Protein backbone atom coordinates (compact mmCIF):
# COMPACT_ATOMS: atom_id res chain seq x y z
CA MET A 1 -12.27 -18.48 -40.45
CA ALA A 2 -13.21 -17.13 -43.85
CA ALA A 3 -13.10 -13.44 -44.81
CA LEU A 4 -16.25 -11.39 -44.22
CA ALA A 5 -18.94 -11.44 -46.87
CA LYS A 6 -21.32 -9.17 -44.93
CA ASP A 7 -21.37 -6.72 -42.02
CA ARG A 8 -20.30 -8.08 -38.64
CA ASN A 9 -21.11 -6.91 -35.11
CA THR A 10 -17.55 -7.10 -33.73
CA PRO A 11 -17.40 -7.20 -29.89
CA GLU A 12 -15.50 -4.39 -28.18
CA ALA A 13 -13.86 -4.27 -24.76
CA ILE A 14 -14.68 -0.86 -23.33
CA GLY A 15 -12.61 0.61 -20.55
CA ASP A 16 -9.38 -0.56 -19.08
CA MET A 17 -10.48 -2.71 -16.15
CA ARG A 18 -9.12 -6.25 -16.21
CA GLU A 19 -9.69 -9.26 -13.99
CA GLY A 20 -7.62 -12.38 -13.57
CA PRO A 21 -6.95 -15.42 -11.39
CA VAL A 22 -4.96 -14.96 -8.19
CA ALA A 23 -2.16 -17.41 -7.42
CA ALA A 24 -2.61 -19.86 -4.54
CA ALA A 25 -1.68 -18.66 -1.04
CA THR A 26 -1.61 -15.03 -2.17
CA VAL A 27 -3.01 -11.75 -0.86
CA ILE A 28 -3.00 -8.74 -3.17
CA PHE A 29 -3.80 -5.44 -1.49
CA ALA A 30 -5.77 -2.66 -3.19
CA GLY A 31 -3.32 -0.24 -4.77
CA ALA A 32 -0.52 -2.80 -5.10
CA ILE A 33 1.58 -3.48 -8.17
CA VAL A 34 0.13 -6.63 -9.76
CA MET A 35 2.28 -9.04 -11.75
CA ARG A 36 1.57 -12.17 -13.79
CA ASN A 37 3.61 -15.28 -12.99
CA ALA A 38 4.74 -17.98 -15.44
CA ALA A 39 1.52 -19.96 -14.83
CA GLY A 40 -0.57 -16.92 -15.81
CA ASP A 41 -1.80 -16.24 -12.27
CA LEU A 42 -1.66 -12.82 -10.65
CA ILE A 43 0.48 -12.04 -7.60
CA GLU A 44 1.62 -8.97 -5.71
CA ALA A 45 4.90 -7.58 -7.02
CA ALA A 46 8.05 -8.85 -5.35
CA THR A 47 11.75 -9.24 -6.01
CA ALA A 48 11.57 -12.34 -8.20
CA LEU A 49 12.24 -13.45 -11.76
CA GLY A 50 9.75 -14.63 -14.38
CA LEU A 51 7.06 -12.06 -13.56
CA VAL A 52 5.45 -9.43 -15.77
CA GLY A 53 3.88 -6.24 -14.43
CA VAL A 54 0.26 -5.81 -15.50
CA GLY A 55 -1.13 -2.93 -13.44
CA ARG A 56 -2.55 -1.70 -10.14
CA ALA A 57 -4.93 -3.78 -7.99
CA GLU A 58 -8.32 -2.10 -7.74
CA LYS A 59 -9.52 -4.15 -4.76
CA ARG A 60 -8.00 -6.46 -2.19
CA ALA A 61 -7.96 -10.14 -3.16
CA ASP A 62 -7.29 -12.78 -0.50
CA ASN A 63 -6.55 -16.27 -1.76
CA THR A 64 -4.49 -17.39 1.26
CA GLY A 65 -6.46 -20.60 1.69
CA GLY A 66 -7.27 -21.30 -1.94
CA ALA A 67 -5.86 -22.92 -5.02
CA ALA A 68 -4.73 -20.85 -7.98
CA GLY A 69 -7.75 -19.23 -9.60
CA ASP A 70 -10.17 -19.74 -6.69
CA VAL A 71 -10.20 -15.94 -6.32
CA THR A 72 -9.87 -13.25 -8.96
CA VAL A 73 -8.59 -9.70 -8.67
CA LYS A 74 -9.60 -6.61 -10.61
CA TYR A 75 -6.65 -4.60 -11.84
CA ARG A 76 -6.07 -1.69 -14.17
CA PRO A 77 -3.23 -1.06 -16.60
CA GLY A 78 -2.23 2.57 -17.04
CA VAL A 79 0.09 5.04 -15.32
CA PHE A 80 0.31 5.05 -11.52
CA ARG A 81 2.73 6.46 -8.94
CA PHE A 82 4.74 4.13 -6.74
CA GLY A 83 7.66 4.43 -4.35
CA ASN A 84 11.16 5.02 -5.65
CA SER A 85 14.18 3.01 -4.57
CA ALA A 86 17.16 4.75 -3.01
CA ALA A 87 20.89 5.07 -3.62
CA ALA A 88 22.17 3.41 -6.80
CA ASP A 89 18.69 2.08 -7.65
CA GLU A 90 16.90 5.44 -7.41
CA ILE A 91 15.02 6.30 -10.58
CA THR A 92 15.60 9.78 -12.02
CA ALA A 93 14.36 11.68 -15.07
CA ALA A 94 17.19 10.01 -17.03
CA GLU A 95 15.22 6.74 -16.84
CA ILE A 96 12.01 8.07 -18.43
CA GLY A 97 10.91 5.61 -21.11
CA LYS A 98 13.09 2.82 -19.72
CA PRO A 99 11.94 -0.28 -17.84
CA CYS A 100 11.72 -0.21 -14.05
CA TYR A 101 11.88 -3.27 -11.85
CA ALA A 102 9.69 -4.51 -8.99
CA VAL A 103 11.21 -4.40 -5.53
CA ASP A 104 7.96 -5.09 -3.69
CA ASP A 105 4.25 -4.38 -4.20
CA GLN A 106 4.70 -0.61 -3.92
CA THR A 107 8.34 0.13 -4.87
CA VAL A 108 10.25 0.15 -8.15
CA ALA A 109 13.97 0.36 -8.95
CA LYS A 110 16.24 1.42 -11.79
CA THR A 111 18.01 -1.95 -12.12
CA ASP A 112 17.13 -5.62 -12.14
CA GLY A 113 19.06 -6.07 -8.89
CA THR A 114 21.81 -8.13 -10.53
CA GLY A 115 19.33 -10.42 -12.21
CA THR A 116 16.89 -10.83 -9.31
CA ARG A 117 13.98 -8.55 -10.32
CA SER A 118 11.35 -8.61 -13.05
CA ILE A 119 10.15 -5.65 -15.11
CA ALA A 120 7.20 -3.94 -13.47
CA GLY A 121 6.61 -1.47 -16.29
CA PHE A 122 8.18 1.61 -17.85
CA VAL A 123 9.08 4.92 -16.25
CA ASP A 124 6.56 7.52 -17.43
CA HIS A 125 7.83 10.35 -15.23
CA VAL A 126 9.34 11.04 -11.83
CA ASP A 127 8.36 13.57 -9.17
CA ALA A 128 9.18 14.27 -5.52
CA GLN A 129 6.60 11.71 -4.36
CA GLY A 130 7.75 8.79 -6.50
CA VAL A 131 7.87 7.14 -9.89
CA TRP A 132 4.97 7.15 -12.33
CA VAL A 133 4.99 3.69 -13.90
CA ARG A 134 3.30 2.84 -17.20
CA PHE A 135 1.85 -0.67 -17.09
CA ASP A 136 1.38 -2.31 -20.47
CA GLU A 137 1.77 -6.08 -20.45
CA ALA A 138 2.19 -6.32 -24.23
CA MET A 139 4.92 -3.66 -24.15
CA VAL A 140 6.81 -5.58 -21.44
CA GLN A 141 6.50 -8.85 -23.37
CA THR A 142 7.79 -7.14 -26.53
CA HIS A 143 10.71 -5.66 -24.60
CA LEU A 144 11.55 -9.05 -23.08
CA ALA A 145 11.43 -10.73 -26.48
CA GLY A 146 13.87 -8.15 -27.80
CA ILE A 147 16.45 -8.82 -25.09
CA ALA A 148 16.12 -12.59 -24.92
């Protein structure tokens, strides 16, 4: 594409709502941690490798009987509170700014579980009710590229 020679009406994405294809045989509940798999489809967070946290599901999406992409789910990046792991995997204020890892669709942990968990997002802050996770897919991809 050539450089501009006149004014251009450049499209803008307003807001932070996203929507994407749900993986086959998958149910994502409203409020769940949503992750993207290697095929680019969205799934509920789980202890698994090769996933990237993208945000919180805004509505339930049921694709139990469908092929990948037959159903879409609305999700939102941002900062949301989820459950904290316990014992050695409990996230504390010392982890603020560091990655946290998906245990399930509502729980995050301090470690990758000896190489079994994917990054859900980054610890924004911690309180008595849980861990506030910052979801930014580009930030996760950049972090993964730096450690690969």
